[in-house]
Protein backbone atom coordinates (compact mmCIF):
# COMPACT_ATOMS: atom_id res chain seq x y z
CA MET A 1 -32.20 41.52 -36.52
CA ARG A 2 -34.90 40.15 -34.25
CA HIS A 3 -34.68 36.76 -36.02
CA SER A 4 -30.90 36.76 -35.58
CA ILE A 5 -31.22 37.40 -31.86
CA LEU A 6 -33.84 34.66 -31.51
CA ALA A 7 -31.64 32.26 -33.44
CA LEU A 8 -28.68 33.10 -31.22
CA LEU A 9 -30.75 32.63 -28.06
CA SER A 10 -32.10 29.35 -29.38
CA ALA A 11 -28.62 28.09 -30.21
CA THR A 12 -27.40 29.16 -26.78
CA ALA A 13 -30.28 27.33 -25.11
CA VAL A 14 -29.47 24.19 -27.09
CA ALA A 15 -25.83 24.46 -26.10
CA ILE A 16 -26.75 24.87 -22.45
CA HIS A 17 -29.04 21.85 -22.45
CA VAL A 18 -26.71 19.45 -24.26
CA PRO A 19 -26.42 16.58 -21.77
CA MET A 20 -23.02 16.02 -20.27
CA LEU A 21 -21.63 12.55 -19.74
CA PRO A 22 -22.36 11.60 -16.13
CA ALA A 23 -19.47 11.68 -13.67
CA ALA A 24 -19.63 8.65 -11.42
CA ASN A 25 -19.48 8.83 -7.66
CA TRP A 26 -17.60 6.19 -5.66
CA PRO A 27 -20.07 5.67 -2.79
CA GLN A 28 -18.88 2.35 -1.34
CA TRP A 29 -15.69 0.37 -0.95
CA ARG A 30 -16.23 -1.51 -4.25
CA GLY A 31 -17.57 1.47 -6.15
CA PRO A 32 -20.88 2.32 -7.84
CA ALA A 33 -21.47 -1.17 -9.28
CA PHE A 34 -20.25 -3.04 -6.16
CA ASP A 35 -17.67 -4.89 -8.27
CA GLY A 36 -14.63 -2.58 -8.27
CA SER A 37 -15.48 -0.90 -11.58
CA SER A 38 -16.38 2.63 -12.64
CA PRO A 39 -18.14 3.58 -15.90
CA GLU A 40 -15.82 6.55 -16.39
CA SER A 41 -13.43 6.55 -19.34
CA ASP A 42 -11.20 9.62 -19.08
CA VAL A 43 -8.91 8.64 -16.20
CA PRO A 44 -5.13 9.09 -15.74
CA ALA A 45 -2.77 6.42 -17.04
CA ALA A 46 0.51 7.97 -15.86
CA PHE A 47 1.23 9.99 -12.71
CA SER A 48 3.61 10.36 -9.77
CA LYS A 49 3.86 12.28 -6.51
CA THR A 50 4.42 15.44 -8.55
CA GLU A 51 2.76 14.68 -11.90
CA HIS A 52 -1.01 15.20 -12.32
CA VAL A 53 -1.47 15.77 -8.58
CA LYS A 54 -4.54 17.93 -7.99
CA TRP A 55 -3.87 17.95 -4.27
CA ALA A 56 -2.35 15.87 -1.49
CA ALA A 57 -3.86 15.96 1.99
CA ASP A 58 -1.96 14.89 5.10
CA LEU A 59 -3.66 12.17 7.13
CA PRO A 60 -3.36 11.87 10.92
CA GLY A 61 -2.73 8.13 10.88
CA PRO A 62 -2.79 4.91 8.84
CA ALA A 63 -5.89 2.93 7.86
CA ALA A 64 -6.85 0.33 5.28
CA ALA A 65 -10.16 2.08 4.59
CA THR A 66 -10.79 3.19 1.02
CA PRO A 67 -12.03 6.79 0.65
CA VAL A 68 -15.52 7.22 -0.79
CA VAL A 69 -16.60 10.12 -2.99
CA TRP A 70 -19.93 11.81 -3.62
CA GLY A 71 -20.02 15.06 -5.57
CA ASP A 72 -17.53 17.42 -3.98
CA HIS A 73 -17.19 15.42 -0.76
CA VAL A 74 -14.48 12.85 -0.02
CA PHE A 75 -15.13 10.82 3.12
CA VAL A 76 -12.23 9.18 4.94
CA SER A 77 -12.07 6.83 7.90
CA SER A 78 -8.76 7.20 9.74
CA THR A 79 -6.79 6.74 12.88
CA ASP A 80 -4.98 9.47 14.75
CA ARG A 81 -1.58 7.99 15.50
CA GLN A 82 -0.66 10.51 18.22
CA ALA A 83 -4.03 10.62 19.98
CA ARG A 84 -4.53 6.84 19.52
CA SER A 85 -8.10 7.42 18.37
CA ILE A 86 -10.35 6.68 15.39
CA LEU A 87 -11.74 9.46 13.22
CA ALA A 88 -14.44 10.27 10.68
CA MET A 89 -13.36 12.93 8.17
CA ALA A 90 -14.65 14.82 5.15
CA LEU A 91 -12.50 16.65 2.59
CA ASP A 92 -13.34 18.98 -0.28
CA ARG A 93 -12.88 17.02 -3.53
CA LYS A 94 -11.73 20.08 -5.48
CA THR A 95 -9.07 21.31 -3.03
CA GLY A 96 -8.40 18.59 -0.44
CA LYS A 97 -9.32 21.05 2.32
CA LEU A 98 -10.58 19.46 5.53
CA LEU A 99 -14.31 20.17 5.84
CA TRP A 100 -14.88 18.42 9.15
CA LYS A 101 -13.39 15.84 11.48
CA HIS A 102 -14.87 13.94 14.43
CA GLU A 103 -13.25 11.64 16.95
CA VAL A 104 -15.44 8.56 17.16
CA ALA A 105 -13.68 6.71 19.98
CA PRO A 106 -10.38 6.72 21.90
CA ALA A 107 -9.15 3.47 20.35
CA PHE A 108 -6.50 2.38 17.85
CA GLY A 109 -6.17 -1.42 17.42
CA GLN A 110 -5.74 -4.74 19.14
CA ASP A 111 -2.91 -6.31 17.07
CA ASP A 112 0.15 -5.19 15.10
CA ARG A 113 -1.21 -6.12 11.65
CA SER A 114 -4.09 -3.67 11.38
CA ASN A 115 -6.12 -1.08 13.26
CA TYR A 116 -9.76 -0.33 13.98
CA ALA A 117 -10.11 1.99 10.94
CA SER A 118 -9.95 -0.74 8.30
CA PRO A 119 -13.64 -0.67 7.22
CA SER A 120 -14.49 1.83 4.49
CA PRO A 121 -17.35 4.32 4.90
CA ALA A 122 -20.45 4.27 2.68
CA THR A 123 -22.74 7.04 1.44
CA ASP A 124 -26.06 7.30 -0.38
CA GLY A 125 -25.74 10.99 -1.20
CA GLN A 126 -27.76 12.09 1.83
CA ARG A 127 -25.71 10.68 4.69
CA VAL A 128 -22.40 8.91 5.24
CA VAL A 129 -21.99 5.90 7.53
CA PHE A 130 -18.71 4.97 9.23
CA PHE A 131 -17.97 1.65 10.94
CA TYR A 132 -14.95 0.62 13.00
CA GLY A 133 -13.49 -2.57 14.43
CA THR A 134 -14.52 -1.32 17.87
CA GLY A 135 -18.15 -1.91 16.84
CA ASP A 136 -18.84 1.83 16.59
CA LEU A 137 -21.33 2.63 13.82
CA VAL A 138 -22.09 6.31 13.23
CA ALA A 139 -23.90 8.36 10.58
CA PHE A 140 -23.34 12.02 9.65
CA ASP A 141 -24.97 14.38 7.20
CA PHE A 142 -22.75 16.04 4.60
CA ALA A 143 -22.29 19.08 6.84
CA GLY A 144 -20.76 16.87 9.54
CA GLN A 145 -23.72 16.83 11.93
CA LYS A 146 -24.12 13.50 13.69
CA LEU A 147 -27.43 11.86 12.82
CA TRP A 148 -27.16 8.77 15.05
CA SER A 149 -24.66 6.32 16.50
CA ARG A 150 -24.62 2.91 18.12
CA ASN A 151 -22.12 0.18 18.96
CA LEU A 152 -22.73 -3.33 17.63
CA GLN A 153 -20.69 -4.95 20.40
CA LYS A 154 -22.79 -3.26 23.08
CA ASP A 155 -26.05 -4.06 21.31
CA TYR A 156 -25.37 -7.62 20.11
CA GLY A 157 -22.45 -8.87 22.19
CA PRO A 158 -18.65 -8.59 21.98
CA PHE A 159 -16.97 -9.75 18.77
CA ALA A 160 -15.26 -13.17 18.86
CA PHE A 161 -12.31 -12.62 16.49
CA LEU A 162 -8.66 -13.55 16.80
CA TRP A 163 -7.65 -10.50 14.72
CA THR A 164 -9.10 -6.98 14.57
CA PHE A 165 -12.56 -7.24 13.02
CA SER A 166 -13.28 -5.43 9.76
CA SER A 167 -16.31 -5.41 7.46
CA SER A 168 -17.49 -2.36 5.54
CA PRO A 169 -21.09 -1.13 5.75
CA LEU A 170 -23.34 -1.59 2.72
CA LEU A 171 -25.92 1.07 1.83
CA HIS A 172 -28.30 -0.30 -0.77
CA ASP A 173 -31.91 0.31 -1.78
CA GLY A 174 -32.81 2.22 1.38
CA ARG A 175 -31.22 -0.21 3.85
CA LEU A 176 -27.94 -0.34 5.75
CA TYR A 177 -26.48 -3.85 5.91
CA MET A 178 -23.83 -5.06 8.35
CA GLN A 179 -22.45 -8.58 8.67
CA VAL A 180 -20.66 -10.17 11.61
CA LEU A 181 -19.34 -13.66 10.84
CA GLN A 182 -17.45 -14.69 13.97
CA ARG A 183 -16.39 -17.61 16.16
CA ASP A 184 -19.02 -19.50 18.12
CA VAL A 185 -16.88 -19.43 21.28
CA PRO A 186 -14.72 -16.70 22.82
CA VAL A 187 -11.08 -16.36 21.72
CA ASN A 188 -8.38 -14.72 23.86
CA GLY A 189 -11.11 -13.42 26.14
CA ARG A 190 -13.05 -11.83 23.27
CA GLY A 191 -16.63 -12.87 22.62
CA ARG A 192 -19.73 -13.59 24.67
CA SER A 193 -19.42 -15.74 27.77
CA ASP A 194 -23.08 -15.31 28.80
CA GLY A 195 -24.60 -16.84 25.66
CA PRO A 196 -23.93 -18.06 22.11
CA ASN A 197 -21.60 -16.16 19.80
CA GLU A 198 -23.83 -16.08 16.74
CA SER A 199 -22.91 -14.94 13.24
CA TYR A 200 -25.48 -12.65 11.68
CA LEU A 201 -26.54 -10.32 8.89
CA LEU A 202 -28.10 -7.10 10.11
CA ALA A 203 -30.35 -4.62 8.30
CA LEU A 204 -30.81 -1.13 9.75
CA ASP A 205 -32.75 1.98 8.81
CA PRO A 206 -30.05 4.37 7.55
CA LYS A 207 -32.10 7.38 8.70
CA SER A 208 -32.21 6.34 12.34
CA GLY A 209 -29.87 3.36 12.81
CA LYS A 210 -32.78 1.29 14.16
CA GLU A 211 -32.86 -2.43 13.46
CA LEU A 212 -35.11 -3.63 10.65
CA TRP A 213 -34.17 -7.30 11.07
CA LYS A 214 -31.39 -9.60 12.18
CA HIS A 215 -30.76 -12.89 10.38
CA ILE A 216 -28.69 -15.55 12.15
CA ARG A 217 -26.28 -17.28 9.76
CA PRO A 218 -25.01 -20.62 11.09
CA SER A 219 -22.01 -22.46 9.70
CA GLU A 220 -20.25 -25.81 10.01
CA ALA A 221 -16.83 -24.15 10.02
CA ARG A 222 -14.65 -24.45 13.11
CA GLN A 223 -12.60 -22.00 15.17
CA GLU A 224 -10.80 -19.33 13.09
CA SER A 225 -12.45 -20.59 9.89
CA LEU A 226 -15.68 -19.06 11.22
CA GLU A 227 -14.10 -15.60 11.08
CA ALA A 228 -14.74 -13.49 7.97
CA PHE A 229 -13.50 -10.00 7.17
CA SER A 230 -15.56 -9.76 3.98
CA THR A 231 -18.32 -7.27 3.16
CA PRO A 232 -21.88 -8.07 2.02
CA VAL A 233 -22.43 -7.33 -1.68
CA PRO A 234 -25.70 -6.81 -3.61
CA ALA A 235 -26.17 -8.71 -6.86
CA GLN A 236 -28.79 -9.54 -9.44
CA LEU A 237 -28.59 -13.21 -10.39
CA ALA A 238 -31.05 -14.85 -12.77
CA GLY A 239 -33.27 -11.77 -12.47
CA ARG A 240 -33.41 -11.88 -8.66
CA GLN A 241 -31.98 -9.32 -6.26
CA GLU A 242 -29.76 -10.84 -3.56
CA ILE A 243 -27.26 -9.92 -0.88
CA LEU A 244 -24.17 -12.13 -1.12
CA ILE A 245 -22.18 -13.18 1.95
CA ALA A 246 -18.93 -15.15 2.00
CA GLY A 247 -17.43 -16.67 5.14
CA GLY A 248 -17.61 -19.64 7.46
CA ASP A 249 -16.39 -21.95 4.66
CA CYS A 250 -19.35 -21.09 2.39
CA ILE A 251 -21.07 -18.45 0.25
CA SER A 252 -24.77 -17.67 0.55
CA GLY A 253 -27.40 -15.48 -1.11
CA HIS A 254 -30.05 -13.65 0.93
CA ASP A 255 -33.32 -11.86 0.31
CA PRO A 256 -32.53 -8.11 0.61
CA VAL A 257 -35.93 -7.36 2.17
CA THR A 258 -36.05 -10.05 4.87
CA GLY A 259 -32.53 -11.47 5.14
CA LYS A 260 -33.88 -14.97 4.49
CA GLU A 261 -31.23 -17.30 3.11
CA LEU A 262 -32.11 -18.27 -0.46
CA TRP A 263 -29.18 -20.58 -1.13
CA ARG A 264 -25.72 -21.51 0.00
CA TRP A 265 -22.83 -23.40 -1.49
CA GLY A 266 -19.95 -24.88 0.46
CA THR A 267 -17.37 -25.86 1.02
CA TRP A 268 -13.85 -24.91 -0.07
CA ASN A 269 -12.75 -26.52 3.20
CA PRO A 270 -14.01 -30.14 3.13
CA THR A 271 -11.60 -31.30 5.85
CA ARG A 272 -12.67 -28.40 8.12
CA ILE A 273 -9.23 -26.89 8.58
CA THR A 274 -9.55 -24.62 11.61
CA HIS A 275 -7.42 -21.62 10.56
CA TRP A 276 -9.00 -20.65 7.20
CA ARG A 277 -10.33 -17.17 8.00
CA LEU A 278 -11.83 -15.48 4.94
CA VAL A 279 -10.97 -11.98 3.70
CA PRO A 280 -12.14 -11.49 0.06
CA SER A 281 -15.72 -10.34 -0.45
CA PRO A 282 -17.92 -12.03 -3.04
CA VAL A 283 -18.48 -10.43 -6.44
CA ALA A 284 -21.10 -11.08 -9.12
CA GLY A 285 -20.86 -10.89 -12.90
CA GLY A 286 -22.03 -12.82 -15.93
CA ASN A 287 -24.82 -14.43 -13.85
CA VAL A 288 -22.40 -16.13 -11.46
CA ALA A 289 -21.37 -15.32 -7.90
CA LEU A 290 -17.66 -15.60 -7.19
CA ALA A 291 -16.16 -16.78 -3.90
CA CYS A 292 -12.45 -17.13 -3.19
CA GLY A 293 -11.14 -19.78 -0.85
CA PRO A 294 -8.27 -18.66 1.41
CA LYS A 295 -4.56 -19.51 1.53
CA GLY A 296 -4.09 -20.84 -1.99
CA ALA A 297 -7.53 -22.43 -2.34
CA PRO A 298 -9.33 -22.12 -5.70
CA VAL A 299 -11.90 -19.61 -6.89
CA PHE A 300 -15.49 -20.89 -7.15
CA ALA A 301 -18.29 -19.57 -9.39
CA VAL A 302 -21.84 -20.40 -8.29
CA LYS A 303 -24.54 -20.37 -10.97
CA GLY A 304 -27.26 -17.75 -10.57
CA GLY A 305 -30.82 -18.74 -9.70
CA GLN A 306 -30.00 -21.32 -7.03
CA ASN A 307 -32.31 -22.36 -4.21
CA GLY A 308 -31.42 -24.44 -1.15
CA ALA A 309 -28.14 -25.72 0.24
CA PHE A 310 -25.46 -27.42 -1.87
CA THR A 311 -22.48 -29.39 -0.59
CA ASN A 312 -21.33 -30.75 -3.97
CA ASP A 313 -20.34 -29.11 -7.25
CA SER A 314 -23.78 -29.25 -8.86
CA ALA A 315 -24.35 -25.56 -8.09
CA LEU A 316 -21.02 -24.50 -9.58
CA ALA A 317 -20.51 -23.07 -13.04
CA TRP A 318 -16.77 -23.64 -12.74
CA THR A 319 -13.78 -23.60 -10.40
CA THR A 320 -10.04 -22.93 -10.78
CA ARG A 321 -8.87 -26.12 -9.07
CA GLU A 322 -6.65 -26.97 -12.06
CA HIS A 323 -5.00 -23.55 -12.06
CA ARG A 324 -3.03 -23.20 -8.85
CA ASP A 325 -1.80 -19.71 -9.74
CA VAL A 326 -5.39 -18.42 -9.72
CA SER A 327 -6.33 -17.75 -6.11
CA ALA A 328 -7.13 -14.76 -3.89
CA ASP A 329 -6.29 -14.92 -0.19
CA VAL A 330 -6.96 -11.24 0.59
CA SER A 331 -7.86 -9.18 -2.49
CA THR A 332 -11.47 -9.12 -3.69
CA PRO A 333 -11.76 -9.83 -7.44
CA LEU A 334 -12.76 -7.19 -9.97
CA PHE A 335 -15.54 -7.56 -12.56
CA TYR A 336 -15.06 -5.18 -15.47
CA LYS A 337 -16.53 -5.08 -18.97
CA GLY A 338 -17.59 -8.71 -18.91
CA TRP A 339 -14.46 -10.22 -17.35
CA PHE A 340 -13.33 -11.24 -13.88
CA TYR A 341 -9.86 -10.13 -12.79
CA VAL A 342 -8.46 -12.14 -9.88
CA LEU A 343 -5.41 -10.87 -8.01
CA ASN A 344 -3.20 -13.42 -6.26
CA SER A 345 -1.69 -11.32 -3.47
CA ASP A 346 0.94 -13.90 -2.49
CA LYS A 347 2.22 -14.69 -6.02
CA ARG A 348 1.72 -11.11 -7.26
CA ASN A 349 -0.13 -12.06 -10.42
CA LEU A 350 -3.38 -11.01 -12.08
CA SER A 351 -5.65 -13.36 -14.06
CA ARG A 352 -8.40 -12.52 -16.54
CA ILE A 353 -11.25 -15.07 -16.46
CA ASP A 354 -14.30 -15.67 -18.65
CA PRO A 355 -17.34 -15.69 -16.30
CA ALA A 356 -19.29 -18.08 -18.54
CA THR A 357 -16.70 -20.85 -18.75
CA GLY A 358 -13.98 -20.13 -16.21
CA ARG A 359 -11.41 -20.12 -19.00
CA ILE A 360 -8.22 -18.31 -17.98
CA HIS A 361 -7.69 -15.76 -20.73
CA TRP A 362 -4.34 -14.70 -19.36
CA THR A 363 -2.26 -14.56 -16.19
CA GLY A 364 0.42 -11.92 -15.82
CA ALA A 365 3.12 -11.33 -13.21
CA ILE A 366 3.25 -7.97 -11.42
CA ASP A 367 6.82 -6.94 -10.64
CA SER A 368 6.24 -6.03 -7.01
CA ARG A 369 8.66 -6.76 -4.19
CA ALA A 370 5.99 -6.12 -1.57
CA LYS A 371 2.76 -8.05 -1.16
CA ILE A 372 -0.39 -6.73 -2.80
CA GLU A 373 -3.44 -7.05 -0.56
CA ALA A 374 -5.49 -4.13 -1.83
CA SER A 375 -8.32 -4.96 -4.21
CA PRO A 376 -8.07 -3.94 -7.88
CA THR A 377 -10.34 -1.24 -9.31
CA ALA A 378 -10.90 -0.27 -12.94
CA ALA A 379 -12.06 2.49 -15.31
CA GLY A 380 -11.16 3.62 -18.82
CA ASP A 381 -9.81 0.16 -19.75
CA LYS A 382 -7.23 0.46 -16.97
CA ILE A 383 -6.83 -1.52 -13.74
CA TYR A 384 -5.32 0.10 -10.66
CA VAL A 385 -3.88 -1.55 -7.55
CA MET A 386 -1.39 -0.59 -4.82
CA ASN A 387 1.05 -2.80 -2.91
CA HIS A 388 1.98 -2.72 0.78
CA ARG A 389 4.62 -0.02 0.27
CA GLY A 390 2.50 2.34 -1.81
CA ASP A 391 3.66 1.39 -5.31
CA VAL A 392 0.71 1.78 -7.69
CA PHE A 393 0.47 -0.44 -10.76
CA VAL A 394 -1.62 0.52 -13.77
CA MET A 395 -2.47 -2.41 -16.04
CA ALA A 396 -4.41 -2.75 -19.26
CA ALA A 397 -7.86 -4.30 -19.05
CA GLY A 398 -7.55 -5.84 -22.49
CA ASP A 399 -6.82 -8.92 -24.55
CA GLU A 400 -3.29 -9.25 -23.23
CA PHE A 401 -1.62 -8.57 -19.89
CA LYS A 402 0.32 -5.33 -19.94
CA VAL A 403 1.64 -3.04 -17.21
CA LEU A 404 1.14 0.51 -18.45
CA HIS A 405 2.69 2.45 -15.58
CA THR A 406 4.18 2.13 -12.10
CA ALA A 407 4.20 4.99 -9.60
CA ALA A 408 5.96 5.01 -6.23
CA MET A 409 3.37 6.89 -4.14
CA GLY A 410 4.41 5.66 -0.69
CA ASP A 411 6.65 7.40 1.81
CA GLU A 412 9.45 6.12 4.01
CA GLY A 413 8.02 3.90 6.71
CA ASP A 414 4.89 2.96 4.77
CA LYS A 415 4.03 -0.70 5.12
CA ASP A 416 0.98 -2.96 5.09
CA LEU A 417 -0.98 -0.52 2.92
CA ARG A 418 -4.25 -2.15 1.85
CA SER A 419 -6.51 0.69 0.73
CA SER A 420 -8.06 0.28 -2.72
CA ILE A 421 -7.93 3.14 -5.21
CA ALA A 422 -11.21 5.04 -5.59
CA ILE A 423 -12.17 6.48 -8.99
CA SER A 424 -14.56 9.41 -9.39
CA GLN A 425 -15.11 12.31 -11.78
CA GLY A 426 -11.99 11.56 -13.79
CA GLN A 427 -9.80 11.43 -10.69
CA LEU A 428 -7.99 8.75 -8.70
CA PHE A 429 -7.95 8.84 -4.90
CA ILE A 430 -4.86 7.07 -3.61
CA ARG A 431 -4.41 6.59 0.11
CA THR A 432 -0.92 5.90 1.47
CA GLY A 433 0.15 5.70 5.10
CA THR A 434 0.42 9.47 5.54
CA ARG A 435 -1.41 11.12 2.62
CA LEU A 436 -4.46 11.07 0.41
CA TYR A 437 -3.64 11.98 -3.19
CA CYS A 438 -6.13 13.26 -5.74
CA ILE A 439 -4.77 12.46 -9.20
CA GLY A 440 -6.32 13.92 -12.36
CA LYS A 441 -5.39 14.86 -15.89
C-alpha cells in the first residue's frame, strides 16, 4: 500500500513538472522577435464579431497604436474623442476589464489623417512605456503607478514634421530607444527657430527616463524626405548586435551600447525628390536588413556585416527593382519562418520573398476595397492583416498564396484603421475604431 501511494505521488509530481509549451508575450509593436512574428502555433484561423470572441472592450477613441500584451496585462494607447485627450490604458487579458487609465495630455492631433496616439507602447515585463506625437513619454508599473515622464519636444526642441509625428518606443537589452528623424528647418511653424533641427537616436534608462546618450544622425535628404515615421529595430547581422534605422533616404545600423553608426546604405532617392517621407520600419532576417523605399519604390536588402557608408549597390544582397508590384509605402514587412512577406498597401497584394536571393516566390492579390496600411503579423502558419475599414484577412504562410478567411470586424464609420494585430497566448488582439477584440479558440 505504501509503495502504491509513493508511486502515485511520484507520478503526480512528474505530471505537475511536465514543462508546458511557452506562451509568447507581444511586448512591442512588431512582437517578441521584432519582425512581426510569434512562435505560437495554436491560433484562430476563422472568427467574426460573434465567433470565438473572448471579450470585446469599448475604446474611448481611435488610434493606430497596436496593443501590447504581457502575461495578463494588455496595454493600449488611445485617444478620448469626447475629451480630446490622449490616454494610457491597461486591460485584463482574461476578461477585457479596464484595470487602469490615465490621461497623459489634453491633446488629440494636428491633421485629419491621424492623431497623437499612433505610436504603440512597449513593455519589458516590469514597466510599460507610452509615447505620443505630442512628445510625451511616460512609464508606468503594471499597477498603473507613474514611474517617470518627460517630453521630448521640451527637452530636445519642437518636432519639425509636416504630418503628426509617430515612432514607437523600443525597449531592448535594458535600454529604451527613441528616434526622431525630422526636417532640418521648420515647417508650418513647427520646429526649432533658435538652432538646428537635428535628427537623432536617443537611448534612455527605462528605470528613470534619464538620457544615456544621444546620437545625431545627419542625412542628405531634403525637406519632407527627411521625415520618417519608422521605429528603430534591433537585429543580429553577421553575429553583431545592431539597432536599425530607416529614414532620410537611407538605412543605417548602430551600436546598441553607444549609438555609433556602424554602416549606412543609401539611397532609394538618387534625384533627391523632396516629398518622399518614409513610413515602414526596417526588418532583419536571413542575415540581411530590409528597407522599403516609399511611393512605389523598390525594396532593398543590405548584406549583414557591413562597415562604413555605401552609395552604390555593392552593399546590397538584392533589390526588387524589376518587380514593380513588390513595394511597401506604409506597411512594415514581416519575416516569418525564413521568408519575407511584403505587403503593397496601394495595390493590395502580398509577396513572399527568399531572403538569400530576393526571388519572388509568389505574389497574391488581396480582395480588399479599402487600403491596407497596417503591418502583417504571423503565427501558426497564418498571416493576419486588417484594412482601413476593419476587414481582417487571414492568409496562409505557405508555398502558395491562399486567403483562408475574411472577417468584417469594423463598425460603421470606421476608416483609416492602421493598427496591426497582436498575437499572444493563443489569442488575437484586434483593434478597430471603437473596440478591442480578444479572439481565441
